Protein backbone atom coordinates (compact mmCIF):
# COMPACT_ATOMS: atom_id res chain seq x y z
CA MET A 1 -13.75 88.56 -217.41
CA GLU A 2 -16.32 91.30 -217.97
CA GLU A 3 -14.94 92.11 -221.43
CA ARG A 4 -15.15 88.45 -222.46
CA LYS A 5 -18.71 88.16 -221.12
CA VAL A 6 -17.74 85.39 -218.70
CA VAL A 7 -19.65 87.12 -215.89
CA TRP A 8 -23.36 87.85 -216.37
CA ASP A 9 -24.77 91.32 -215.74
CA SER A 10 -26.69 89.87 -212.80
CA GLN A 11 -23.41 89.10 -210.99
CA HIS A 12 -22.94 91.68 -208.27
CA SER A 13 -20.33 90.55 -205.78
CA PHE A 14 -16.72 90.66 -206.96
CA THR A 15 -17.52 93.00 -209.86
CA LYS A 16 -16.71 96.68 -210.37
CA ASP A 17 -19.30 99.12 -208.96
CA LYS A 18 -21.54 96.28 -207.75
CA SER A 19 -21.81 94.58 -204.39
CA CYS A 20 -23.96 92.22 -202.36
CA LEU A 21 -25.87 95.31 -201.23
CA THR A 22 -26.75 96.38 -204.77
CA LYS A 23 -27.97 92.85 -205.52
CA LEU A 24 -30.06 92.87 -202.35
CA MET A 25 -31.64 96.19 -203.36
CA ILE A 26 -32.58 94.84 -206.80
CA PHE A 27 -33.93 91.63 -205.28
CA TYR A 28 -36.00 93.59 -202.74
CA ASP A 29 -37.51 95.71 -205.51
CA GLU A 30 -38.31 92.64 -207.62
CA VAL A 31 -40.06 90.94 -204.68
CA THR A 32 -41.98 93.91 -203.29
CA THR A 33 -43.31 95.18 -206.63
CA PRO A 34 -45.66 92.21 -207.22
CA VAL A 35 -46.60 92.15 -203.52
CA ASP A 36 -47.57 95.82 -203.72
CA LYS A 37 -49.84 94.90 -206.65
CA GLY A 38 -51.54 92.21 -204.55
CA ARG A 39 -49.89 89.24 -206.27
CA ALA A 40 -48.74 86.18 -204.37
CA THR A 41 -44.97 85.90 -204.33
CA ASP A 42 -42.80 82.96 -203.34
CA VAL A 43 -39.10 83.16 -202.56
CA VAL A 44 -36.80 80.16 -202.30
CA TYR A 45 -33.35 80.55 -200.77
CA LEU A 46 -30.65 78.06 -201.66
CA ASP A 47 -27.38 78.25 -199.75
CA PHE A 48 -24.67 76.32 -201.55
CA HIS A 49 -21.81 77.88 -199.57
CA LYS A 50 -20.90 74.81 -197.54
CA ALA A 51 -21.68 72.50 -200.43
CA PHE A 52 -19.02 74.17 -202.55
CA ASP A 53 -16.52 74.06 -199.69
CA MET A 54 -16.95 70.39 -198.82
CA VAL A 55 -17.97 68.47 -201.94
CA PRO A 56 -15.88 68.00 -205.09
CA HIS A 57 -17.53 70.16 -207.75
CA ASN A 58 -17.90 67.38 -210.30
CA ILE A 59 -19.90 65.30 -207.79
CA LEU A 60 -22.08 68.27 -206.81
CA LEU A 61 -22.80 69.16 -210.44
CA SER A 62 -23.72 65.59 -211.35
CA LYS A 63 -26.10 65.41 -208.39
CA LEU A 64 -27.74 68.71 -209.35
CA GLU A 65 -28.24 67.45 -212.91
CA ARG A 66 -29.57 64.11 -211.63
CA ASP A 67 -32.03 65.90 -209.35
CA GLY A 68 -33.52 67.82 -212.27
CA PHE A 69 -31.96 71.27 -211.97
CA TYR A 70 -32.09 73.18 -215.24
CA GLU A 71 -28.88 73.25 -217.27
CA TRP A 72 -28.38 77.02 -216.79
CA THR A 73 -28.64 76.58 -213.01
CA VAL A 74 -25.97 73.89 -212.99
CA ARG A 75 -23.71 76.02 -215.19
């Protein structure tokens, strides 16, 4: 999947030499850098875990599109 570029470089879990911890470290750095410079920073957490377990994907994707999520987010 990596060779065919199916997985983006930003994908950390389930990829070689990357984990949830490495993603968390990058996220922390990206959030604290602007804060250290005195800039306001907002963070929004979306947890789709249960949504993916309980809703047929085609219904979930159509609702995300209907609600105005950008195409790349739905993909």
